[in-house]
Amino acid sequence: VRGRGLPRLQRSGRGDLLVRVLVWTPQRLSKEQREVFQRLRETEES
């Protein structure tokens, strides 16, 4: 995200904000969620 970091000292403009996306994996699944993921596993690519 450009321009959402810190100001540049004695210069114009700002640095950038770098957002690192981390995919969260649930450790406990409800019965409904488990069924959804079971169906997904049957159809998803390897």
All heavy atoms as atom14 arrays in JSON, in Angstrom:
{
  "sequence": "VRGRGLPRLQRSGRGDLLVRVLVWTPQRLSKEQREVFQRLRETEES",
  "atom14_mask": [
    [1, 1, 1, 1, 1, 1, 1, 0, 0, 0, 0, 0, 0, 0],
    [1, 1, 1, 1, 1, 1, 1, 1, 1, 1, 1, 0, 0, 0],
    [1, 1, 1, 1, 0, 0, 0, 0, 0, 0, 0, 0, 0, 0],
    [1, 1, 1, 1, 1, 1, 1, 1, 1, 1, 1, 0, 0, 0],
    [1, 1, 1, 1, 0, 0, 0, 0, 0, 0, 0, 0, 0, 0],
    [1, 1, 1, 1, 1, 1, 1, 1, 0, 0, 0, 0, 0, 0],
    [1, 1, 1, 1, 1, 1, 1, 0, 0, 0, 0, 0, 0, 0],
    [1, 1, 1, 1, 1, 1, 1, 1, 1, 1, 1, 0, 0, 0],
    [1, 1, 1, 1, 1, 1, 1, 1, 0, 0, 0, 0, 0, 0],
    [1, 1, 1, 1, 1, 1, 1, 1, 1, 0, 0, 0, 0, 0],
    [1, 1, 1, 1, 1, 1, 1, 1, 1, 1, 1, 0, 0, 0],
    [1, 1, 1, 1, 1, 1, 0, 0, 0, 0, 0, 0, 0, 0],
    [1, 1, 1, 1, 0, 0, 0, 0, 0, 0, 0, 0, 0, 0],
    [1, 1, 1, 1, 1, 1, 1, 1, 1, 1, 1, 0, 0, 0],
    [1, 1, 1, 1, 0, 0, 0, 0, 0, 0, 0, 0, 0, 0],
    [1, 1, 1, 1, 1, 1, 1, 1, 0, 0, 0, 0, 0, 0],
    [1, 1, 1, 1, 1, 1, 1, 1, 0, 0, 0, 0, 0, 0],
    [1, 1, 1, 1, 1, 1, 1, 1, 0, 0, 0, 0, 0, 0],
    [1, 1, 1, 1, 1, 1, 1, 0, 0, 0, 0, 0, 0, 0],
    [1, 1, 1, 1, 1, 1, 1, 1, 1, 1, 1, 0, 0, 0],
    [1, 1, 1, 1, 1, 1, 1, 0, 0, 0, 0, 0, 0, 0],
    [1, 1, 1, 1, 1, 1, 1, 1, 0, 0, 0, 0, 0, 0],
    [1, 1, 1, 1, 1, 1, 1, 0, 0, 0, 0, 0, 0, 0],
    [1, 1, 1, 1, 1, 1, 1, 1, 1, 1, 1, 1, 1, 1],
    [1, 1, 1, 1, 1, 1, 1, 0, 0, 0, 0, 0, 0, 0],
    [1, 1, 1, 1, 1, 1, 1, 0, 0, 0, 0, 0, 0, 0],
    [1, 1, 1, 1, 1, 1, 1, 1, 1, 0, 0, 0, 0, 0],
    [1, 1, 1, 1, 1, 1, 1, 1, 1, 1, 1, 0, 0, 0],
    [1, 1, 1, 1, 1, 1, 1, 1, 0, 0, 0, 0, 0, 0],
    [1, 1, 1, 1, 1, 1, 0, 0, 0, 0, 0, 0, 0, 0],
    [1, 1, 1, 1, 1, 1, 1, 1, 1, 0, 0, 0, 0, 0],
    [1, 1, 1, 1, 1, 1, 1, 1, 1, 0, 0, 0, 0, 0],
    [1, 1, 1, 1, 1, 1, 1, 1, 1, 0, 0, 0, 0, 0],
    [1, 1, 1, 1, 1, 1, 1, 1, 1, 1, 1, 0, 0, 0],
    [1, 1, 1, 1, 1, 1, 1, 1, 1, 0, 0, 0, 0, 0],
    [1, 1, 1, 1, 1, 1, 1, 0, 0, 0, 0, 0, 0, 0],
    [1, 1, 1, 1, 1, 1, 1, 1, 1, 1, 1, 0, 0, 0],
    [1, 1, 1, 1, 1, 1, 1, 1, 1, 0, 0, 0, 0, 0],
    [1, 1, 1, 1, 1, 1, 1, 1, 1, 1, 1, 0, 0, 0],
    [1, 1, 1, 1, 1, 1, 1, 1, 0, 0, 0, 0, 0, 0],
    [1, 1, 1, 1, 1, 1, 1, 1, 1, 1, 1, 0, 0, 0],
    [1, 1, 1, 1, 1, 1, 1, 1, 1, 0, 0, 0, 0, 0],
    [1, 1, 1, 1, 1, 1, 1, 0, 0, 0, 0, 0, 0, 0],
    [1, 1, 1, 1, 1, 1, 1, 1, 1, 0, 0, 0, 0, 0],
    [1, 1, 1, 1, 1, 1, 1, 1, 1, 0, 0, 0, 0, 0],
    [1, 1, 1, 1, 1, 1, 0, 0, 0, 0, 0, 0, 0, 0]
  ],
  "atom14_positions": [
    [[0.88, -1.18, 0.0], [0.0, 0.0, 0.0], [0.91, 1.22, 0.0], [1.55, 1.54, 1.01], [-0.93, 0.02, 1.22], [-1.87, 1.22, 1.14], [-1.7, -1.29, 1.34], [0.0, 0.0, 0.0], [0.0, 0.0, 0.0], [0.0, 0.0, 0.0], [0.0, 0.0, 0.0], [0.0, 0.0, 0.0], [0.0, 0.0, 0.0], [0.0, 0.0, 0.0]],
    [[0.99, 1.9, -1.12], [1.94, 2.99, -1.25], [1.51, 4.22, -0.44], [0.34, 4.56, -0.36], [2.12, 3.36, -2.72], [2.71, 2.21, -3.54], [3.19, 2.67, -4.91], [3.8, 1.55, -5.65], [5.06, 1.18, -5.51], [5.84, 1.82, -4.65], [5.53, 0.16, -6.21], [0.0, 0.0, 0.0], [0.0, 0.0, 0.0], [0.0, 0.0, 0.0]],
    [[2.53, 4.87, 0.16], [2.3, 6.13, 0.85], [1.66, 6.02, 2.22], [1.22, 7.03, 2.77], [0.0, 0.0, 0.0], [0.0, 0.0, 0.0], [0.0, 0.0, 0.0], [0.0, 0.0, 0.0], [0.0, 0.0, 0.0], [0.0, 0.0, 0.0], [0.0, 0.0, 0.0], [0.0, 0.0, 0.0], [0.0, 0.0, 0.0], [0.0, 0.0, 0.0]],
    [[1.59, 4.82, 2.79], [0.99, 4.69, 4.13], [2.03, 4.23, 5.16], [1.67, 3.7, 6.2], [-0.18, 3.7, 4.09], [-1.33, 4.15, 3.21], [-1.87, 5.53, 3.58], [-2.6, 5.52, 4.82], [-3.93, 5.4, 4.93], [-4.65, 5.26, 3.83], [-4.51, 5.42, 6.1], [0.0, 0.0, 0.0], [0.0, 0.0, 0.0], [0.0, 0.0, 0.0]],
    [[3.28, 4.44, 4.86], [4.35, 4.17, 5.82], [4.7, 5.42, 6.62], [3.84, 6.22, 6.96], [0.0, 0.0, 0.0], [0.0, 0.0, 0.0], [0.0, 0.0, 0.0], [0.0, 0.0, 0.0], [0.0, 0.0, 0.0], [0.0, 0.0, 0.0], [0.0, 0.0, 0.0], [0.0, 0.0, 0.0], [0.0, 0.0, 0.0], [0.0, 0.0, 0.0]],
    [[5.99, 5.61, 6.9], [6.46, 6.75, 7.69], [6.98, 7.85, 6.78], [7.44, 7.6, 5.65], [7.57, 6.3, 8.64], [7.14, 5.35, 9.75], [8.35, 4.81, 10.49], [6.2, 6.05, 10.73], [0.0, 0.0, 0.0], [0.0, 0.0, 0.0], [0.0, 0.0, 0.0], [0.0, 0.0, 0.0], [0.0, 0.0, 0.0], [0.0, 0.0, 0.0]],
    [[6.94, 9.11, 7.25], [7.48, 10.21, 6.44], [8.97, 10.02, 6.18], [9.7, 9.48, 7.02], [7.22, 11.45, 7.31], [6.16, 11.03, 8.28], [6.37, 9.58, 8.52], [0.0, 0.0, 0.0], [0.0, 0.0, 0.0], [0.0, 0.0, 0.0], [0.0, 0.0, 0.0], [0.0, 0.0, 0.0], [0.0, 0.0, 0.0], [0.0, 0.0, 0.0]],
    [[9.42, 10.5, 5.04], [10.84, 10.48, 4.72], [11.49, 11.72, 5.34], [11.1, 12.84, 5.04], [11.04, 10.44, 3.2], [10.47, 9.18, 2.56], [10.83, 9.11, 1.08], [10.4, 7.83, 0.52], [9.27, 7.65, -0.16], [8.45, 8.68, -0.34], [8.96, 6.47, -0.64], [0.0, 0.0, 0.0], [0.0, 0.0, 0.0], [0.0, 0.0, 0.0]],
    [[12.48, 11.5, 6.18], [13.1, 12.59, 6.92], [13.74, 13.6, 5.96], [14.54, 13.23, 5.11], [14.16, 12.04, 7.87], [14.85, 13.05, 8.79], [13.85, 13.7, 9.73], [15.96, 12.39, 9.59], [0.0, 0.0, 0.0], [0.0, 0.0, 0.0], [0.0, 0.0, 0.0], [0.0, 0.0, 0.0], [0.0, 0.0, 0.0], [0.0, 0.0, 0.0]],
    [[13.34, 14.86, 6.12], [13.87, 15.97, 5.33], [13.65, 15.78, 3.84], [14.36, 16.35, 3.01], [15.36, 16.18, 5.63], [15.63, 16.55, 7.08], [17.09, 16.74, 7.38], [17.95, 16.28, 6.64], [17.39, 17.43, 8.47], [0.0, 0.0, 0.0], [0.0, 0.0, 0.0], [0.0, 0.0, 0.0], [0.0, 0.0, 0.0], [0.0, 0.0, 0.0]],
    [[12.67, 14.95, 3.48], [12.28, 14.79, 2.08], [10.76, 14.73, 2.02], [10.09, 14.51, 3.02], [12.87, 13.5, 1.49], [14.38, 13.51, 1.34], [14.83, 12.22, 0.66], [14.55, 11.06, 1.5], [14.43, 9.81, 1.06], [14.51, 9.57, -0.23], [14.2, 8.82, 1.9], [0.0, 0.0, 0.0], [0.0, 0.0, 0.0], [0.0, 0.0, 0.0]],
    [[10.22, 14.9, 0.82], [8.77, 14.82, 0.67], [8.34, 13.36, 0.53], [9.13, 12.49, 0.15], [8.33, 15.61, -0.57], [8.94, 15.08, -1.74], [0.0, 0.0, 0.0], [0.0, 0.0, 0.0], [0.0, 0.0, 0.0], [0.0, 0.0, 0.0], [0.0, 0.0, 0.0], [0.0, 0.0, 0.0], [0.0, 0.0, 0.0], [0.0, 0.0, 0.0]],
    [[7.07, 13.12, 0.82], [6.51, 11.78, 0.63], [6.69, 10.88, 1.84], [7.34, 11.22, 2.84], [0.0, 0.0, 0.0], [0.0, 0.0, 0.0], [0.0, 0.0, 0.0], [0.0, 0.0, 0.0], [0.0, 0.0, 0.0], [0.0, 0.0, 0.0], [0.0, 0.0, 0.0], [0.0, 0.0, 0.0], [0.0, 0.0, 0.0], [0.0, 0.0, 0.0]],
    [[6.08, 9.71, 1.73], [6.12, 8.71, 2.8], [6.5, 7.35, 2.22], [6.39, 7.11, 1.02], [4.76, 8.6, 3.49], [4.39, 9.81, 4.32], [2.95, 9.74, 4.8], [2.64, 8.55, 5.57], [1.49, 8.33, 6.18], [0.52, 9.25, 6.1], [1.29, 7.23, 6.87], [0.0, 0.0, 0.0], [0.0, 0.0, 0.0], [0.0, 0.0, 0.0]],
    [[6.95, 6.48, 3.1], [7.21, 5.11, 2.71], [5.92, 4.35, 2.51], [4.82, 4.92, 2.5], [0.0, 0.0, 0.0], [0.0, 0.0, 0.0], [0.0, 0.0, 0.0], [0.0, 0.0, 0.0], [0.0, 0.0, 0.0], [0.0, 0.0, 0.0], [0.0, 0.0, 0.0], [0.0, 0.0, 0.0], [0.0, 0.0, 0.0], [0.0, 0.0, 0.0]],
    [[6.01, 3.03, 2.37], [4.85, 2.2, 2.07], [4.49, 1.3, 3.25], [5.31, 1.04, 4.13], [5.12, 1.32, 0.84], [5.43, 2.15, -0.4], [4.97, 3.31, -0.47], [6.16, 1.64, -1.27], [0.0, 0.0, 0.0], [0.0, 0.0, 0.0], [0.0, 0.0, 0.0], [0.0, 0.0, 0.0], [0.0, 0.0, 0.0], [0.0, 0.0, 0.0]],
    [[3.25, 0.83, 3.23], [2.78, -0.19, 4.17], [2.77, -1.52, 3.43], [2.15, -1.66, 2.37], [1.38, 0.14, 4.68], [0.74, -0.9, 5.6], [1.49, -0.99, 6.92], [-0.74, -0.57, 5.83], [0.0, 0.0, 0.0], [0.0, 0.0, 0.0], [0.0, 0.0, 0.0], [0.0, 0.0, 0.0], [0.0, 0.0, 0.0], [0.0, 0.0, 0.0]],
    [[3.48, -2.5, 3.97], [3.56, -3.83, 3.36], [2.74, -4.8, 4.22], [3.07, -5.03, 5.38], [5.01, -4.3, 3.27], [5.97, -3.33, 2.56], [7.38, -3.87, 2.6], [5.53, -3.08, 1.14], [0.0, 0.0, 0.0], [0.0, 0.0, 0.0], [0.0, 0.0, 0.0], [0.0, 0.0, 0.0], [0.0, 0.0, 0.0], [0.0, 0.0, 0.0]],
    [[1.67, -5.31, 3.64], [0.76, -6.19, 4.36], [1.07, -7.63, 3.97], [0.88, -8.04, 2.81], [-0.71, -5.85, 4.04], [-1.64, -6.76, 4.84], [-1.0, -4.38, 4.37], [0.0, 0.0, 0.0], [0.0, 0.0, 0.0], [0.0, 0.0, 0.0], [0.0, 0.0, 0.0], [0.0, 0.0, 0.0], [0.0, 0.0, 0.0], [0.0, 0.0, 0.0]],
    [[1.55, -8.4, 4.94], [1.85, -9.81, 4.69], [0.61, -10.64, 5.03], [0.15, -10.67, 6.18], [3.03, -10.27, 5.54], [3.43, -11.71, 5.24], [4.32, -12.27, 6.31], [4.67, -13.66, 6.01], [5.0, -14.55, 6.91], [5.04, -14.22, 8.19], [5.3, -15.78, 6.57], [0.0, 0.0, 0.0], [0.0, 0.0, 0.0], [0.0, 0.0, 0.0]],
    [[0.06, -11.3, 4.05], [-1.16, -12.08, 4.21], [-0.79, -13.47, 4.74], [0.03, -14.18, 4.15], [-1.92, -12.21, 2.87], [-3.17, -13.07, 3.05], [-2.28, -10.83, 2.34], [0.0, 0.0, 0.0], [0.0, 0.0, 0.0], [0.0, 0.0, 0.0], [0.0, 0.0, 0.0], [0.0, 0.0, 0.0], [0.0, 0.0, 0.0], [0.0, 0.0, 0.0]],
    [[-1.4, -13.86, 5.86], [-1.17, -15.18, 6.46], [-2.49, -15.94, 6.48], [-3.47, -15.5, 7.09], [-0.64, -15.02, 7.89], [0.71, -14.3, 8.05], [1.04, -14.11, 9.52], [1.81, -15.07, 7.35], [0.0, 0.0, 0.0], [0.0, 0.0, 0.0], [0.0, 0.0, 0.0], [0.0, 0.0, 0.0], [0.0, 0.0, 0.0], [0.0, 0.0, 0.0]],
    [[-2.53, -17.06, 5.78], [-3.76, -17.86, 5.73], [-3.87, -18.65, 7.03], [-2.99, -19.44, 7.38], [-3.76, -18.81, 4.52], [-5.02, -19.68, 4.53], [-3.68, -17.99, 3.22], [0.0, 0.0, 0.0], [0.0, 0.0, 0.0], [0.0, 0.0, 0.0], [0.0, 0.0, 0.0], [0.0, 0.0, 0.0], [0.0, 0.0, 0.0], [0.0, 0.0, 0.0]],
    [[-4.96, -18.42, 7.71], [-5.19, -19.06, 9.02], [-5.87, -20.4, 8.84], [-6.87, -20.53, 8.13], [-6.04, -18.14, 9.89], [-6.53, -18.76, 11.16], [-5.81, -19.07, 12.26], [-7.87, -19.16, 11.44], [-6.6, -19.62, 13.22], [-7.88, -19.7, 12.76], [-9.09, -19.12, 10.74], [-9.03, -20.17, 13.37], [-10.25, -19.59, 11.35], [-10.19, -20.12, 12.65]],
    [[-5.32, -21.43, 9.46], [-5.92, -22.76, 9.4], [-6.58, -23.08, 10.74], [-5.9, -23.09, 11.78], [-4.85, -23.83, 9.11], [-4.2, -23.52, 7.88], [-5.48, -25.21, 9.02], [0.0, 0.0, 0.0], [0.0, 0.0, 0.0], [0.0, 0.0, 0.0], [0.0, 0.0, 0.0], [0.0, 0.0, 0.0], [0.0, 0.0, 0.0], [0.0, 0.0, 0.0]],
    [[-7.9, -23.31, 10.75], [-8.58, -23.6, 12.03], [-8.11, -24.93, 12.61], [-7.89, -25.91, 11.87], [-10.06, -23.64, 11.65], [-10.07, -23.93, 10.18], [-8.84, -23.31, 9.62], [0.0, 0.0, 0.0], [0.0, 0.0, 0.0], [0.0, 0.0, 0.0], [0.0, 0.0, 0.0], [0.0, 0.0, 0.0], [0.0, 0.0, 0.0], [0.0, 0.0, 0.0]],
    [[-7.96, -24.97, 13.92], [-7.5, -26.2, 14.58], [-8.68, -27.08, 15.03], [-8.52, -28.29, 15.18], [-6.63, -25.84, 15.79], [-5.31, -25.17, 15.37], [-4.47, -24.78, 16.57], [-5.01, -24.31, 17.59], [-3.17, -24.99, 16.49], [0.0, 0.0, 0.0], [0.0, 0.0, 0.0], [0.0, 0.0, 0.0], [0.0, 0.0, 0.0], [0.0, 0.0, 0.0]],
    [[-9.81, -26.43, 15.24], [-11.0, -27.22, 15.63], [-12.13, -26.87, 14.67], [-12.43, -25.7, 14.46], [-11.41, -26.88, 17.06], [-10.36, -27.31, 18.09], [-10.83, -26.98, 19.5], [-9.84, -27.36, 20.51], [-10.0, -27.16, 21.81], [-11.12, -26.58, 22.27], [-9.06, -27.54, 22.64], [0.0, 0.0, 0.0], [0.0, 0.0, 0.0], [0.0, 0.0, 0.0]],
    [[-12.74, -27.88, 14.1], [-13.82, -27.69, 13.13], [-15.14, -28.17, 13.7], [-15.2, -29.2, 14.39], [-13.51, -28.46, 11.84], [-12.24, -28.07, 11.08], [-12.05, -29.02, 9.9], [-12.32, -26.64, 10.61], [0.0, 0.0, 0.0], [0.0, 0.0, 0.0], [0.0, 0.0, 0.0], [0.0, 0.0, 0.0], [0.0, 0.0, 0.0], [0.0, 0.0, 0.0]],
    [[-16.19, -27.43, 13.38], [-17.54, -27.89, 13.74], [-17.94, -28.99, 12.76], [-17.26, -29.21, 11.74], [-18.52, -26.72, 13.66], [-18.64, -26.28, 12.32], [0.0, 0.0, 0.0], [0.0, 0.0, 0.0], [0.0, 0.0, 0.0], [0.0, 0.0, 0.0], [0.0, 0.0, 0.0], [0.0, 0.0, 0.0], [0.0, 0.0, 0.0], [0.0, 0.0, 0.0]],
    [[-19.02, -29.66, 13.07], [-19.49, -30.74, 12.2], [-19.8, -30.21, 10.81], [-19.45, -30.84, 9.8], [-20.73, -31.39, 12.82], [-21.29, -32.55, 11.99], [-22.51, -33.14, 12.66], [-23.07, -34.29, 11.81], [-24.3, -34.87, 12.44], [0.0, 0.0, 0.0], [0.0, 0.0, 0.0], [0.0, 0.0, 0.0], [0.0, 0.0, 0.0], [0.0, 0.0, 0.0]],
    [[-20.43, -29.06, 10.74], [-20.79, -28.47, 9.45], [-19.55, -28.09, 8.66], [-19.46, -28.33, 7.46], [-21.68, -27.25, 9.67], [-22.17, -26.62, 8.38], [-23.07, -25.44, 8.64], [-23.35, -25.14, 9.83], [-23.48, -24.78, 7.67], [0.0, 0.0, 0.0], [0.0, 0.0, 0.0], [0.0, 0.0, 0.0], [0.0, 0.0, 0.0], [0.0, 0.0, 0.0]],
    [[-18.57, -27.48, 9.35], [-17.34, -27.1, 8.67], [-16.59, -28.33, 8.15], [-16.04, -28.32, 7.04], [-16.44, -26.3, 9.64], [-16.96, -24.91, 9.96], [-16.15, -24.25, 11.06], [-15.57, -24.94, 11.91], [-16.12, -22.92, 11.04], [0.0, 0.0, 0.0], [0.0, 0.0, 0.0], [0.0, 0.0, 0.0], [0.0, 0.0, 0.0], [0.0, 0.0, 0.0]],
    [[-16.57, -29.38, 8.95], [-15.87, -30.58, 8.53], [-16.5, -31.14, 7.25], [-15.8, -31.6, 6.34], [-15.89, -31.62, 9.65], [-15.11, -32.89, 9.35], [-15.06, -33.78, 10.57], [-14.27, -33.17, 11.64], [-12.95, -33.25, 11.71], [-12.28, -33.9, 10.78], [-12.31, -32.67, 12.7], [0.0, 0.0, 0.0], [0.0, 0.0, 0.0], [0.0, 0.0, 0.0]],
    [[-17.85, -31.12, 7.21], [-18.54, -31.62, 6.02], [-18.2, -30.78, 4.79], [-17.99, -31.3, 3.7], [-20.05, -31.62, 6.26], [-20.49, -32.66, 7.29], [-21.97, -32.54, 7.62], [-22.59, -31.56, 7.12], [-22.49, -33.4, 8.34], [0.0, 0.0, 0.0], [0.0, 0.0, 0.0], [0.0, 0.0, 0.0], [0.0, 0.0, 0.0], [0.0, 0.0, 0.0]],
    [[-18.13, -29.45, 4.98], [-17.79, -28.56, 3.86], [-16.39, -28.86, 3.35], [-16.16, -28.96, 2.14], [-17.92, -27.09, 4.3], [-17.32, -26.17, 3.24], [-19.37, -26.73, 4.57], [0.0, 0.0, 0.0], [0.0, 0.0, 0.0], [0.0, 0.0, 0.0], [0.0, 0.0, 0.0], [0.0, 0.0, 0.0], [0.0, 0.0, 0.0], [0.0, 0.0, 0.0]],
    [[-15.44, -29.03, 4.27], [-14.06, -29.28, 3.85], [-13.91, -30.67, 3.22], [-13.07, -30.89, 2.36], [-13.1, -29.13, 5.05], [-12.72, -27.68, 5.31], [-13.22, -27.0, 6.4], [-11.86, -27.03, 4.45], [-12.89, -25.7, 6.64], [-11.52, -25.71, 4.68], [-12.03, -25.02, 5.77], [0.0, 0.0, 0.0], [0.0, 0.0, 0.0], [0.0, 0.0, 0.0]],
    [[-14.75, -31.62, 3.67], [-14.72, -32.95, 3.06], [-15.16, -32.86, 1.6], [-14.55, -33.46, 0.71], [-15.64, -33.9, 3.83], [-15.1, -34.35, 5.17], [-14.0, -35.39, 5.07], [-13.6, -35.79, 3.97], [-13.49, -35.83, 6.21], [0.0, 0.0, 0.0], [0.0, 0.0, 0.0], [0.0, 0.0, 0.0], [0.0, 0.0, 0.0], [0.0, 0.0, 0.0]],
    [[-16.24, -32.11, 1.36], [-16.71, -31.95, -0.02], [-15.68, -31.19, -0.86], [-15.48, -31.49, -2.03], [-18.06, -31.22, -0.04], [-19.19, -32.04, 0.54], [-20.54, -31.46, 0.15], [-20.71, -30.1, 0.65], [-21.23, -29.81, 1.85], [-21.61, -30.8, 2.67], [-21.38, -28.56, 2.22], [0.0, 0.0, 0.0], [0.0, 0.0, 0.0], [0.0, 0.0, 0.0]],
    [[-15.02, -30.19, -0.22], [-14.0, -29.41, -0.94], [-12.83, -30.3, -1.33], [-12.32, -30.23, -2.45], [-13.52, -28.25, -0.05], [-12.38, -27.41, -0.61], [-12.79, -26.72, -1.9], [-11.91, -26.39, 0.43], [0.0, 0.0, 0.0], [0.0, 0.0, 0.0], [0.0, 0.0, 0.0], [0.0, 0.0, 0.0], [0.0, 0.0, 0.0], [0.0, 0.0, 0.0]],
    [[-12.43, -31.19, -0.43], [-11.29, -32.05, -0.72], [-11.58, -32.98, -1.89], [-10.7, -33.36, -2.65], [-10.93, -32.87, 0.52], [-9.68, -33.71, 0.33], [-9.12, -34.2, 1.65], [-10.06, -35.07, 2.35], [-9.8, -35.65, 3.53], [-8.63, -35.43, 4.13], [-10.69, -36.43, 4.11], [0.0, 0.0, 0.0], [0.0, 0.0, 0.0], [0.0, 0.0, 0.0]],
    [[-12.84, -33.35, -2.04], [-13.21, -34.25, -3.12], [-13.16, -33.56, -4.48], [-13.02, -34.22, -5.51], [-14.62, -34.8, -2.87], [-14.7, -35.71, -1.66], [-16.13, -36.07, -1.3], [-17.05, -35.59, -2.03], [-16.33, -36.8, -0.32], [0.0, 0.0, 0.0], [0.0, 0.0, 0.0], [0.0, 0.0, 0.0], [0.0, 0.0, 0.0], [0.0, 0.0, 0.0]],
    [[-13.27, -32.22, -4.47], [-13.35, -31.49, -5.75], [-12.12, -30.63, -6.04], [-11.91, -30.24, -7.19], [-14.59, -30.57, -5.75], [-14.48, -29.64, -4.67], [-15.86, -31.4, -5.61], [0.0, 0.0, 0.0], [0.0, 0.0, 0.0], [0.0, 0.0, 0.0], [0.0, 0.0, 0.0], [0.0, 0.0, 0.0], [0.0, 0.0, 0.0], [0.0, 0.0, 0.0]],
    [[-11.33, -30.34, -5.01], [-10.22, -29.41, -5.24], [-9.06, -30.07, -5.96], [-8.91, -31.29, -5.97], [-9.72, -28.84, -3.9], [-9.03, -29.86, -3.02], [-8.59, -29.27, -1.68], [-8.66, -28.04, -1.52], [-8.18, -30.05, -0.8], [0.0, 0.0, 0.0], [0.0, 0.0, 0.0], [0.0, 0.0, 0.0], [0.0, 0.0, 0.0], [0.0, 0.0, 0.0]],
    [[-8.23, -29.23, -6.57], [-7.04, -29.71, -7.25], [-5.99, -30.08, -6.21], [-5.98, -29.57, -5.09], [-6.48, -28.62, -8.17], [-7.43, -28.23, -9.3], [-6.85, -27.12, -10.15], [-5.69, -26.7, -9.87], [-7.52, -26.68, -11.09], [0.0, 0.0, 0.0], [0.0, 0.0, 0.0], [0.0, 0.0, 0.0], [0.0, 0.0, 0.0], [0.0, 0.0, 0.0]],
    [[-5.09, -30.96, -6.61], [-4.0, -31.34, -5.71], [-3.0, -30.21, -5.61], [-2.78, -29.44, -6.56], [-3.31, -32.61, -6.22], [-4.22, -33.68, -6.29], [0.0, 0.0, 0.0], [0.0, 0.0, 0.0], [0.0, 0.0, 0.0], [0.0, 0.0, 0.0], [0.0, 0.0, 0.0], [0.0, 0.0, 0.0], [0.0, 0.0, 0.0], [0.0, 0.0, 0.0]]
  ]
}
